[in-house]
Amino acid sequence: MSEFDHHNHLKDLFLTRRELISRMGNGFAALGLMGLLGESALAQGPAKAGGAFNPMLPKSPPLPAKAKRVIFLFMNGGPSQVDTFDPKPSLQKYAGQAIPIHLPTERKTGVALPSPYTFKPYGQSGIEVSEIFPNVAKHVDDMCIVRSMHADVPNHEPSLLLMNCGDARQIRPSMGSWVLYGLGTENQNLPGFISMCPGGYPIQETQNWQAGFLPGVLAGTYVDPVQTDIEKIVENIRNRYTLESDQRDQLDLVQKLNAEHLARRNDDPALESRIQSFELAYRMQSEATDVFDTSQEPEAVRSMYGPGVFARQCLIARRLAERGVRFVQLYHGAGQPWDSHDDIAVQHRNLARESDQAIGALLTDLKRRGMLDETLVIWGGEFGRTPTVEMPTPGSNAGHMNGRDHNHYGFTYWMAGGGVKKGTVYGATDEFGFKAEQNPVHVHDLHATILHLLGFDHTKLTYRYAGRDFRLTDVYGNVIHDLVA
């Protein structure tokens, strides 16, 4: 060994006791590990970019896929199924009377509360939709409406986590992170998973788009669509003092040091995610300033989406989808705007007015651009609402109430595009809309079906953590093939 070679390896003489033991232990373990994993360990090698691990690189799903991307329209707070997409004439028949169904609810409820809105059939399919969604209703022939959804509990916090992460209590990766883990993203200059919630975070905050134990770079990137200034939407997006080429040189040096740091710490996942985030932050300068600028759209397009924050969210979602972002989630409100415990006749109408035109425009826009067939659009909240009126809490000053309580026993979701069976209604609640009775669909079943449309067997899209293979659907869920075209 030459003197030059000897000095190149002097750093190896300076090991902490922990590093020395770790290297020795890992060496013996690797001998047995390769024998156990065999060829499968080599066949599944990580995506590489310039020799470094990059979980964001696009990957092909193992099964034939109907959809390439997801836009999830989350109606925060729990929209009422019997006032939107699940008409129940029996509520009018029993108006002001007790219904012959008794289910435990979060709060005391009383007599039947008929919907204040009328329903009528739309499209060739003749699916009935509430009057408050006239623009969405024009697209029923492209939609599959699931009227038999059910969840576990009637509380916002666990129900949001169940719908977004597949578990109501434990820290688990969100659906968007699982999709990104399985498919990567087509645009390396933008985050692959973006969550837009105006004015702040929803209940459970960033847990709704967390990566959990998956690589941190797969977590959703939060964007506040209330902001219109790109430097407020994405902080520090512009560097006014350094040329881009100089930034690249600086980042290359930092990343080289980071890589050495990482290698000496046994590929620590948190450090690996930070390295990837540095790289993504640099690349975002070239495209993020453009994608969130809706003023670049023709006036006719902006008018089609309509005014308001949610309209801007939907337009941004289309712009993100066409640029290769894999998963976009849009929250309608940071609080629980659909949580209409009182005065539902006014509240739900106003909420629909804020969102109906924009959702209809989004579906129209995706379809005319040839994107709808490969984009899975999902609409729904964390649960539904009771068909019976909510009673005032004892001791409160509330007078007569005319709203609905939380209801996890039966509610509605719809999907459009992305390989779903068009112009269909699946499942049914009882005659009052309280409980899913015909072909019940649990949240785990919905997740399994979404992953199937994206080209995955939900039982095999797993991640090894703490000695166990985890998945989005935990140990449950069945693909509902009747929802698939």
Protein backbone atom coordinates (compact mmCIF):
# COMPACT_ATOMS: atom_id res chain seq x y z
CA MET A 1 0.00 0.00 0.00
CA SER A 2 1.43 3.38 -0.99
CA GLU A 3 1.74 6.31 1.38
CA PHE A 4 -0.93 8.13 -0.66
CA ASP A 5 -3.38 5.25 -0.28
CA HIS A 6 -2.58 5.02 3.41
CA HIS A 7 -3.48 8.66 4.05
CA ASN A 8 -6.72 8.30 2.08
CA HIS A 9 -7.89 5.77 4.66
CA LEU A 10 -6.75 7.47 7.84
CA LYS A 11 -10.36 8.43 8.59
CA ASP A 12 -11.14 4.74 9.06
CA LEU A 13 -8.80 4.69 12.08
CA PHE A 14 -10.98 7.16 13.93
CA LEU A 15 -14.09 5.25 14.85
CA THR A 16 -16.18 5.72 17.93
CA ARG A 17 -16.80 2.61 20.01
CA ARG A 18 -20.43 2.61 18.84
CA GLU A 19 -19.40 2.80 15.17
CA LEU A 20 -16.87 -0.04 15.59
CA ILE A 21 -19.42 -2.36 17.23
CA SER A 22 -22.06 -1.39 14.68
CA ARG A 23 -19.79 -2.18 11.71
CA MET A 24 -18.77 -5.52 13.15
CA GLY A 25 -22.37 -6.48 13.96
CA ASN A 26 -23.73 -5.38 10.61
CA GLY A 27 -21.07 -7.31 8.78
CA PHE A 28 -21.99 -10.64 10.38
CA ALA A 29 -25.71 -9.92 10.00
CA ALA A 30 -25.34 -9.15 6.29
CA LEU A 31 -23.88 -12.60 5.61
CA GLY A 32 -27.01 -14.29 6.89
CA LEU A 33 -29.35 -11.66 5.45
CA MET A 34 -28.26 -12.21 1.87
CA GLY A 35 -28.89 -15.90 2.20
CA LEU A 36 -32.39 -15.27 3.50
CA LEU A 37 -33.35 -12.65 0.93
CA GLY A 38 -31.69 -14.24 -2.05
CA GLU A 39 -32.37 -12.81 -5.46
CA SER A 40 -35.48 -10.88 -4.38
CA ALA A 41 -33.34 -8.43 -2.42
CA LEU A 42 -31.37 -7.63 -5.56
CA ALA A 43 -34.37 -7.53 -7.84
CA GLN A 44 -36.08 -4.86 -5.75
CA GLY A 45 -33.11 -2.55 -5.68
CA PRO A 46 -33.94 1.06 -4.76
CA ALA A 47 -34.56 3.72 -7.37
CA LYS A 48 -31.33 5.53 -8.08
CA ALA A 49 -30.59 9.04 -9.23
CA GLY A 50 -26.94 9.80 -9.78
CA GLY A 51 -26.01 6.85 -7.61
CA ALA A 52 -28.06 8.01 -4.60
CA PHE A 53 -31.27 6.51 -3.31
CA ASN A 54 -34.27 8.49 -4.57
CA PRO A 55 -37.76 7.24 -3.62
CA MET A 56 -39.33 9.98 -5.74
CA LEU A 57 -38.29 8.55 -9.11
CA PRO A 58 -41.25 7.27 -11.16
CA LYS A 59 -41.89 3.54 -10.98
CA SER A 60 -44.23 1.22 -12.84
CA PRO A 61 -46.91 -0.51 -10.76
CA PRO A 62 -46.73 -4.31 -10.60
CA LEU A 63 -50.28 -4.73 -11.99
CA PRO A 64 -52.14 -3.13 -14.90
CA ALA A 65 -53.21 0.33 -13.75
CA LYS A 66 -56.33 2.30 -14.62
CA ALA A 67 -55.18 5.55 -12.99
CA LYS A 68 -51.85 7.37 -12.87
CA ARG A 69 -52.65 10.08 -10.35
CA VAL A 70 -55.18 11.06 -7.67
CA ILE A 71 -57.05 14.27 -6.83
CA PHE A 72 -58.79 13.89 -3.47
CA LEU A 73 -61.51 16.47 -2.74
CA PHE A 74 -61.89 16.27 1.04
CA MET A 75 -65.07 17.85 2.42
CA ASN A 76 -63.83 18.53 5.92
CA GLY A 77 -66.34 17.98 8.72
CA GLY A 78 -68.60 15.34 7.25
CA PRO A 79 -71.15 16.21 4.52
CA SER A 80 -74.68 14.91 4.88
CA GLN A 81 -75.39 12.04 2.50
CA VAL A 82 -79.17 12.56 2.61
CA ASP A 83 -78.73 16.19 1.48
CA THR A 84 -76.23 15.56 -1.32
CA PHE A 85 -76.11 12.20 -3.14
CA ASP A 86 -78.41 9.78 -1.25
CA PRO A 87 -82.08 10.84 -1.51
CA LYS A 88 -84.43 9.44 1.12
CA PRO A 89 -88.14 10.16 0.50
CA SER A 90 -89.06 8.29 3.71
CA LEU A 91 -87.66 11.18 5.73
CA GLN A 92 -90.46 13.35 4.39
CA LYS A 93 -93.01 10.66 5.22
CA TYR A 94 -91.73 10.47 8.82
CA ALA A 95 -91.06 14.22 9.21
CA GLY A 96 -91.37 15.18 12.85
CA GLN A 97 -91.74 11.55 13.92
CA ALA A 98 -89.41 8.98 15.42
CA ILE A 99 -87.96 6.59 12.87
CA PRO A 100 -87.96 2.82 13.53
CA ILE A 101 -84.15 2.65 13.62
CA HIS A 102 -82.21 3.15 16.82
CA LEU A 103 -78.43 3.51 16.65
CA PRO A 104 -76.13 5.03 19.26
CA THR A 105 -74.96 8.47 18.18
CA GLU A 106 -72.38 10.85 19.58
CA ARG A 107 -75.12 13.16 20.85
CA LYS A 108 -78.82 12.73 21.38
CA THR A 109 -80.90 12.98 18.21
CA GLY A 110 -84.62 13.21 17.79
CA VAL A 111 -87.17 12.86 15.02
CA ALA A 112 -86.70 12.49 11.29
CA LEU A 113 -85.36 15.62 9.58
CA PRO A 114 -86.27 15.66 5.86
CA SER A 115 -83.80 17.20 3.46
CA PRO A 116 -84.61 20.83 2.73
CA TYR A 117 -83.41 20.25 -0.83
CA THR A 118 -85.00 18.56 -3.80
CA PHE A 119 -83.38 15.76 -5.79
CA LYS A 120 -83.75 15.01 -9.48
CA PRO A 121 -82.20 12.57 -11.98
CA TYR A 122 -79.32 13.63 -14.21
CA GLY A 123 -77.60 12.24 -17.29
CA GLN A 124 -78.30 9.05 -19.17
CA SER A 125 -77.77 7.08 -15.96
CA GLY A 126 -80.62 8.95 -14.26
CA ILE A 127 -78.75 9.17 -10.95
CA GLU A 128 -80.47 11.50 -8.51
CA VAL A 129 -78.45 14.38 -7.07
CA SER A 130 -79.38 17.22 -4.73
CA GLU A 131 -80.24 20.62 -6.15
CA ILE A 132 -77.25 22.13 -4.33
CA PHE A 133 -74.82 20.38 -6.72
CA PRO A 134 -76.12 21.23 -10.22
CA ASN A 135 -72.66 21.47 -11.82
CA VAL A 136 -71.31 18.27 -10.26
CA ALA A 137 -74.55 16.52 -11.25
CA LYS A 138 -73.81 17.15 -14.93
CA HIS A 139 -70.98 14.61 -14.58
CA VAL A 140 -72.89 11.72 -13.01
CA ASP A 141 -72.35 9.63 -16.14
CA ASP A 142 -68.60 9.72 -15.40
CA MET A 143 -69.04 8.97 -11.71
CA CYS A 144 -69.37 5.93 -9.48
CA ILE A 145 -71.33 6.89 -6.37
CA VAL A 146 -70.83 4.69 -3.31
CA ARG A 147 -73.81 5.12 -1.00
CA SER A 148 -72.82 2.45 1.51
CA MET A 149 -69.62 3.76 3.08
CA HIS A 150 -69.06 3.20 6.79
CA ALA A 151 -66.29 3.98 9.29
CA ASP A 152 -65.56 3.09 12.93
CA VAL A 153 -66.45 5.97 15.24
CA PRO A 154 -68.41 9.25 15.04
CA ASN A 155 -65.53 11.54 16.05
CA HIS A 156 -63.60 13.85 13.74
CA GLU A 157 -60.06 13.13 14.90
CA PRO A 158 -59.97 9.33 14.54
CA SER A 159 -62.18 9.40 11.46
CA LEU A 160 -59.90 11.84 9.61
CA LEU A 161 -56.90 9.65 10.43
CA LEU A 162 -58.75 6.50 9.36
CA MET A 163 -59.73 8.02 6.02
CA ASN A 164 -56.34 9.59 5.37
CA CYS A 165 -53.97 7.06 6.95
CA GLY A 166 -55.91 3.80 7.35
CA ASP A 167 -55.67 3.82 11.15
CA ALA A 168 -57.65 5.88 13.63
CA ARG A 169 -55.09 5.94 16.45
CA GLN A 170 -51.53 4.97 15.56
CA ILE A 171 -48.98 7.00 13.61
CA ARG A 172 -49.27 5.60 10.10
CA PRO A 173 -48.29 6.83 6.62
CA SER A 174 -51.03 8.68 4.78
CA MET A 175 -52.62 7.35 1.60
CA GLY A 176 -50.77 9.95 -0.48
CA SER A 177 -47.45 8.81 0.99
CA TRP A 178 -48.24 5.17 0.21
CA VAL A 179 -49.11 6.07 -3.37
CA LEU A 180 -45.88 8.06 -3.70
CA TYR A 181 -43.93 5.19 -2.15
CA GLY A 182 -45.34 2.77 -4.71
CA LEU A 183 -45.27 4.94 -7.82
CA GLY A 184 -42.82 7.77 -7.24
CA THR A 185 -43.68 10.93 -9.14
CA GLU A 186 -43.28 12.03 -12.74
CA ASN A 187 -41.98 15.54 -12.00
CA GLN A 188 -38.78 15.77 -9.99
CA ASN A 189 -39.07 19.56 -9.74
CA LEU A 190 -42.21 19.48 -7.60
CA PRO A 191 -43.30 17.53 -4.52
CA GLY A 192 -45.10 14.34 -5.50
CA PHE A 193 -47.78 14.81 -2.84
CA ILE A 194 -49.34 18.19 -2.14
CA SER A 195 -52.06 18.95 0.40
CA MET A 196 -53.95 22.24 0.15
CA CYS A 197 -55.97 23.44 3.12
CA PRO A 198 -56.95 27.13 3.23
CA GLY A 199 -56.12 29.22 6.26
CA GLY A 200 -54.32 26.58 8.30
CA TYR A 201 -54.43 22.91 9.21
CA PRO A 202 -57.44 20.62 9.67
CA ILE A 203 -57.98 18.62 12.87
CA GLN A 204 -54.99 16.33 13.52
CA GLU A 205 -52.99 18.82 11.45
CA THR A 206 -50.01 17.43 9.54
CA GLN A 207 -50.77 13.86 10.63
CA ASN A 208 -53.31 13.80 7.79
CA TRP A 209 -50.52 13.88 5.20
CA GLN A 210 -47.67 12.40 7.23
CA ALA A 211 -45.15 9.87 5.91
CA GLY A 212 -45.09 7.99 9.22
CA PHE A 213 -42.33 5.41 9.09
CA LEU A 214 -41.89 5.77 5.31
CA PRO A 215 -39.03 7.99 4.08
CA GLY A 216 -39.78 11.54 5.16
CA VAL A 217 -39.55 12.93 1.62
CA LEU A 218 -42.79 11.06 0.85
CA ALA A 219 -44.82 13.22 3.26
CA GLY A 220 -47.32 15.64 1.80
CA THR A 221 -46.22 19.23 1.26
CA TYR A 222 -48.67 21.68 2.82
CA VAL A 223 -49.80 24.66 0.77
CA ASP A 224 -52.14 27.41 1.94
CA PRO A 225 -54.20 28.33 -1.14
CA VAL A 226 -55.43 31.52 0.51
CA GLN A 227 -52.04 32.97 -0.35
CA THR A 228 -51.49 34.28 -3.88
CA ASP A 229 -47.91 35.49 -3.50
CA ILE A 230 -45.60 32.60 -4.42
CA GLU A 231 -43.12 33.67 -1.73
CA LYS A 232 -45.85 33.18 0.88
CA ILE A 233 -47.09 29.94 -0.63
CA VAL A 234 -43.57 28.47 -0.62
CA GLU A 235 -41.24 30.31 1.73
CA ASN A 236 -37.74 31.16 0.48
CA ILE A 237 -38.59 29.94 -3.02
CA ARG A 238 -36.49 32.69 -4.61
CA ASN A 239 -32.85 33.48 -3.99
CA ARG A 240 -32.22 37.07 -5.03
CA TYR A 241 -28.55 37.09 -4.11
CA THR A 242 -26.96 34.02 -5.71
CA LEU A 243 -26.86 32.85 -9.31
CA GLU A 244 -28.50 29.50 -9.95
CA SER A 245 -25.19 28.02 -11.09
CA ASP A 246 -23.53 29.14 -7.85
CA GLN A 247 -26.40 27.65 -5.86
CA ARG A 248 -25.87 24.38 -7.67
CA ASP A 249 -22.18 24.37 -6.78
CA GLN A 250 -22.95 25.16 -3.14
CA LEU A 251 -25.59 22.45 -2.93
CA ASP A 252 -23.29 19.89 -4.56
CA LEU A 253 -20.67 20.58 -1.90
CA VAL A 254 -23.22 20.36 0.92
CA GLN A 255 -24.68 17.16 -0.50
CA LYS A 256 -21.21 15.60 -0.80
CA LEU A 257 -20.59 16.32 2.86
CA ASN A 258 -24.06 15.04 3.71
CA ALA A 259 -23.41 11.82 1.82
CA GLU A 260 -20.22 11.18 3.81
CA HIS A 261 -22.10 12.00 7.00
CA LEU A 262 -24.86 9.58 5.98
CA ALA A 263 -22.45 6.77 5.15
CA ARG A 264 -20.89 6.99 8.62
CA ARG A 265 -24.33 6.75 10.22
CA ASN A 266 -25.55 3.60 8.56
CA ASP A 267 -27.90 5.36 6.11
CA ASP A 268 -30.04 7.03 8.75
CA PRO A 269 -33.51 7.48 7.16
CA ALA A 270 -34.12 10.92 8.69
CA LEU A 271 -30.83 12.19 7.30
CA GLU A 272 -31.54 10.57 3.93
CA SER A 273 -34.90 12.37 3.77
CA ARG A 274 -33.25 15.68 4.62
CA ILE A 275 -30.76 15.22 1.79
CA GLN A 276 -33.58 14.54 -0.66
CA SER A 277 -35.49 17.56 0.62
CA PHE A 278 -32.49 19.84 -0.02
CA GLU A 279 -32.35 18.65 -3.59
CA LEU A 280 -36.10 19.03 -4.14
CA ALA A 281 -36.09 22.54 -2.63
CA TYR A 282 -33.41 23.60 -5.11
CA ARG A 283 -35.25 22.15 -8.10
CA MET A 284 -38.60 23.68 -7.07
CA GLN A 285 -37.29 27.15 -7.90
CA SER A 286 -37.69 26.41 -11.59
CA GLU A 287 -41.29 25.22 -11.52
CA ALA A 288 -43.14 26.05 -8.30
CA THR A 289 -43.18 29.74 -9.15
CA ASP A 290 -45.10 28.84 -12.30
CA VAL A 291 -47.52 26.12 -11.25
CA PHE A 292 -49.23 28.11 -8.47
CA ASP A 293 -49.68 31.20 -10.64
CA THR A 294 -53.24 30.78 -11.91
CA SER A 295 -53.12 34.20 -13.61
CA GLN A 296 -51.34 32.41 -16.46
CA GLU A 297 -54.59 30.62 -17.29
CA PRO A 298 -56.90 32.16 -19.93
CA GLU A 299 -59.72 34.26 -18.52
CA ALA A 300 -62.27 31.79 -19.88
CA VAL A 301 -60.72 28.97 -17.84
CA ARG A 302 -60.61 31.01 -14.64
CA SER A 303 -64.22 32.06 -15.16
CA MET A 304 -65.22 28.44 -15.67
CA TYR A 305 -63.82 27.52 -12.23
CA GLY A 306 -65.45 30.55 -10.66
CA PRO A 307 -64.46 32.84 -7.78
CA GLY A 308 -63.19 31.95 -4.34
CA VAL A 309 -60.40 30.01 -2.70
CA PHE A 310 -61.75 26.54 -3.42
CA ALA A 311 -62.05 27.37 -7.13
CA ARG A 312 -58.40 28.40 -7.09
CA GLN A 313 -57.52 25.15 -5.31
CA CYS A 314 -59.22 23.08 -8.01
CA LEU A 315 -57.50 24.99 -10.80
CA ILE A 316 -54.11 24.56 -9.11
CA ALA A 317 -54.88 20.85 -8.69
CA ARG A 318 -55.37 20.47 -12.43
CA ARG A 319 -52.14 22.38 -13.10
CA LEU A 320 -50.27 20.12 -10.66
CA ALA A 321 -51.76 16.96 -12.15
CA GLU A 322 -50.81 17.87 -15.70
CA ARG A 323 -47.26 18.54 -14.53
CA GLY A 324 -46.89 15.04 -13.15
CA VAL A 325 -47.67 15.48 -9.43
CA ARG A 326 -48.90 12.09 -8.24
CA PHE A 327 -51.30 12.91 -5.38
CA VAL A 328 -53.12 16.17 -4.70
CA GLN A 329 -55.51 16.58 -1.78
CA LEU A 330 -57.81 19.58 -1.45
CA TYR A 331 -59.47 20.36 1.86
CA HIS A 332 -62.62 22.43 1.81
CA GLY A 333 -61.86 24.52 4.88
CA ALA A 334 -59.34 24.31 7.72
CA GLY A 335 -62.02 23.92 10.41
CA GLN A 336 -64.99 21.61 9.91
CA PRO A 337 -67.15 23.64 7.51
CA TRP A 338 -69.36 20.66 6.61
CA ASP A 339 -69.98 19.97 10.32
CA SER A 340 -73.55 21.27 10.21
CA HIS A 341 -74.90 20.57 13.68
CA ASP A 342 -77.42 23.36 13.21
CA ASP A 343 -79.12 25.24 10.39
CA ILE A 344 -78.15 22.66 7.79
CA ALA A 345 -80.53 24.13 5.20
CA VAL A 346 -78.42 27.28 5.00
CA GLN A 347 -74.98 25.89 5.80
CA HIS A 348 -74.90 23.02 3.32
CA ARG A 349 -76.29 25.21 0.55
CA ASN A 350 -73.56 27.80 1.14
CA LEU A 351 -70.85 25.15 1.26
CA ALA A 352 -72.07 23.59 -1.97
CA ARG A 353 -72.19 27.03 -3.58
CA GLU A 354 -68.50 27.47 -2.69
CA SER A 355 -67.47 24.16 -4.23
CA ASP A 356 -69.98 22.99 -6.86
CA GLN A 357 -68.91 25.15 -9.79
CA ALA A 358 -65.22 24.50 -9.18
CA ILE A 359 -65.62 20.71 -8.93
CA GLY A 360 -67.75 20.65 -12.07
CA ALA A 361 -65.14 22.75 -13.87
CA LEU A 362 -62.33 20.47 -12.69
CA LEU A 363 -64.08 17.40 -14.13
CA THR A 364 -64.85 19.26 -17.37
CA ASP A 365 -61.26 20.53 -17.65
CA LEU A 366 -59.69 17.13 -17.01
CA LYS A 367 -61.99 15.48 -19.53
CA ARG A 368 -61.43 17.93 -22.36
CA ARG A 369 -57.66 17.72 -21.84
CA GLY A 370 -57.78 13.93 -22.07
CA MET A 371 -56.66 13.55 -18.44
CA LEU A 372 -59.77 12.25 -16.69
CA ASP A 373 -59.35 8.62 -17.75
CA GLU A 374 -55.95 8.53 -16.01
CA THR A 375 -56.87 10.77 -13.05
CA LEU A 376 -58.84 9.33 -10.16
CA VAL A 377 -60.98 12.09 -8.61
CA ILE A 378 -62.38 11.26 -5.15
CA TRP A 379 -65.00 13.26 -3.19
CA GLY A 380 -66.09 12.80 0.42
CA GLY A 381 -65.42 13.55 4.08
CA GLU A 382 -64.54 11.63 7.23
CA PHE A 383 -68.13 10.42 7.76
CA GLY A 384 -71.74 11.44 7.10
CA ARG A 385 -74.57 12.86 9.17
CA THR A 386 -77.66 11.52 10.91
CA PRO A 387 -81.06 11.58 9.17
CA THR A 388 -82.52 12.64 12.51
CA VAL A 389 -82.34 16.10 14.02
CA GLU A 390 -79.69 16.80 16.64
CA MET A 391 -81.09 17.75 20.03
CA PRO A 392 -79.75 20.67 22.11
CA THR A 393 -77.24 19.70 24.77
CA PRO A 394 -78.85 19.70 28.25
CA GLY A 395 -78.08 22.92 30.05
CA SER A 396 -77.17 24.83 26.90
CA ASN A 397 -78.86 28.02 25.72
CA ALA A 398 -79.54 26.57 22.28
CA GLY A 399 -83.14 26.65 21.21
CA HIS A 400 -84.68 24.42 18.58
CA MET A 401 -81.94 22.90 16.40
CA ASN A 402 -82.30 21.95 12.75
CA GLY A 403 -79.01 20.29 12.00
CA ARG A 404 -77.57 16.77 12.01
CA ASP A 405 -75.05 14.95 14.20
CA HIS A 406 -72.04 12.87 13.08
CA ASN A 407 -72.86 9.53 11.48
CA HIS A 408 -70.26 6.87 10.73
CA TYR A 409 -72.80 4.09 10.11
CA GLY A 410 -73.57 5.12 6.55
CA PHE A 411 -72.40 7.88 4.19
CA THR A 412 -71.52 8.61 0.57
CA TYR A 413 -68.34 8.88 -1.46
CA TRP A 414 -68.02 9.27 -5.20
CA MET A 415 -65.19 8.70 -7.62
CA ALA A 416 -64.77 9.79 -11.22
CA GLY A 417 -62.29 8.95 -13.98
CA GLY A 418 -59.31 6.72 -13.25
CA GLY A 419 -60.95 3.46 -14.35
CA VAL A 420 -64.10 3.53 -12.21
CA LYS A 421 -67.36 2.12 -13.55
CA LYS A 422 -69.13 5.15 -15.00
CA GLY A 423 -72.70 6.19 -14.28
CA THR A 424 -73.25 3.71 -11.48
CA VAL A 425 -74.48 3.67 -7.90
CA TYR A 426 -73.05 1.04 -5.59
CA GLY A 427 -74.54 -0.04 -2.28
CA ALA A 428 -77.33 1.55 -0.29
CA THR A 429 -78.21 2.75 3.18
CA ASP A 430 -81.51 1.88 4.86
CA GLU A 431 -84.65 3.74 3.81
CA PHE A 432 -83.74 6.67 6.07
CA GLY A 433 -80.04 6.91 5.17
CA PHE A 434 -78.78 5.99 8.63
CA LYS A 435 -76.80 2.77 8.14
CA ALA A 436 -75.09 1.03 5.21
CA GLU A 437 -77.15 -2.08 4.50
CA GLN A 438 -76.65 -3.17 0.90
CA ASN A 439 -73.03 -3.95 -0.07
CA PRO A 440 -71.36 -2.07 2.82
CA VAL A 441 -67.97 -0.53 1.96
CA HIS A 442 -65.56 0.12 4.81
CA VAL A 443 -62.80 2.71 4.55
CA HIS A 444 -60.28 -0.16 4.21
CA ASP A 445 -62.25 -1.46 1.22
CA LEU A 446 -62.18 1.99 -0.38
CA HIS A 447 -58.41 2.20 0.10
CA ALA A 448 -57.91 -1.30 -1.31
CA THR A 449 -59.94 -0.33 -4.38
CA ILE A 450 -58.04 2.93 -4.89
CA LEU A 451 -54.71 1.08 -4.79
CA HIS A 452 -56.11 -1.52 -7.21
CA LEU A 453 -57.01 1.25 -9.69
CA LEU A 454 -53.41 2.49 -9.38
CA GLY A 455 -52.02 -0.96 -10.17
CA PHE A 456 -51.33 -2.42 -6.72
CA ASP A 457 -52.43 -5.42 -4.72
CA HIS A 458 -53.06 -3.69 -1.39
CA THR A 459 -51.85 -6.77 0.51
CA LYS A 460 -48.45 -6.60 -1.19
CA LEU A 461 -47.72 -2.87 -1.09
CA THR A 462 -45.93 -3.17 2.25
CA TYR A 463 -43.12 -1.57 4.21
CA ARG A 464 -41.06 -3.38 6.83
CA TYR A 465 -41.02 -1.52 10.13
CA ALA A 466 -40.41 -2.66 13.71
CA GLY A 467 -40.31 -6.29 12.64
CA ARG A 468 -43.63 -6.23 10.79
CA ASP A 469 -44.84 -5.65 7.24
CA PHE A 470 -47.25 -2.71 7.32
CA ARG A 471 -49.70 -1.63 4.64
CA LEU A 472 -52.31 1.10 4.14
CA THR A 473 -55.19 -1.31 4.79
CA ASP A 474 -53.62 -2.83 7.93
CA VAL A 475 -54.87 -6.46 7.87
CA TYR A 476 -58.27 -5.66 6.38
CA GLY A 477 -59.88 -4.49 3.16
CA ASN A 478 -61.24 -6.03 -0.02
CA VAL A 479 -61.17 -4.63 -3.52
CA ILE A 480 -64.70 -3.76 -4.62
CA HIS A 481 -64.48 -4.98 -8.21
CA ASP A 482 -67.99 -3.71 -9.01
CA LEU A 483 -66.55 -0.18 -8.80
CA VAL A 484 -63.94 -0.92 -11.46
CA ALA A 485 -64.63 -0.64 -15.18
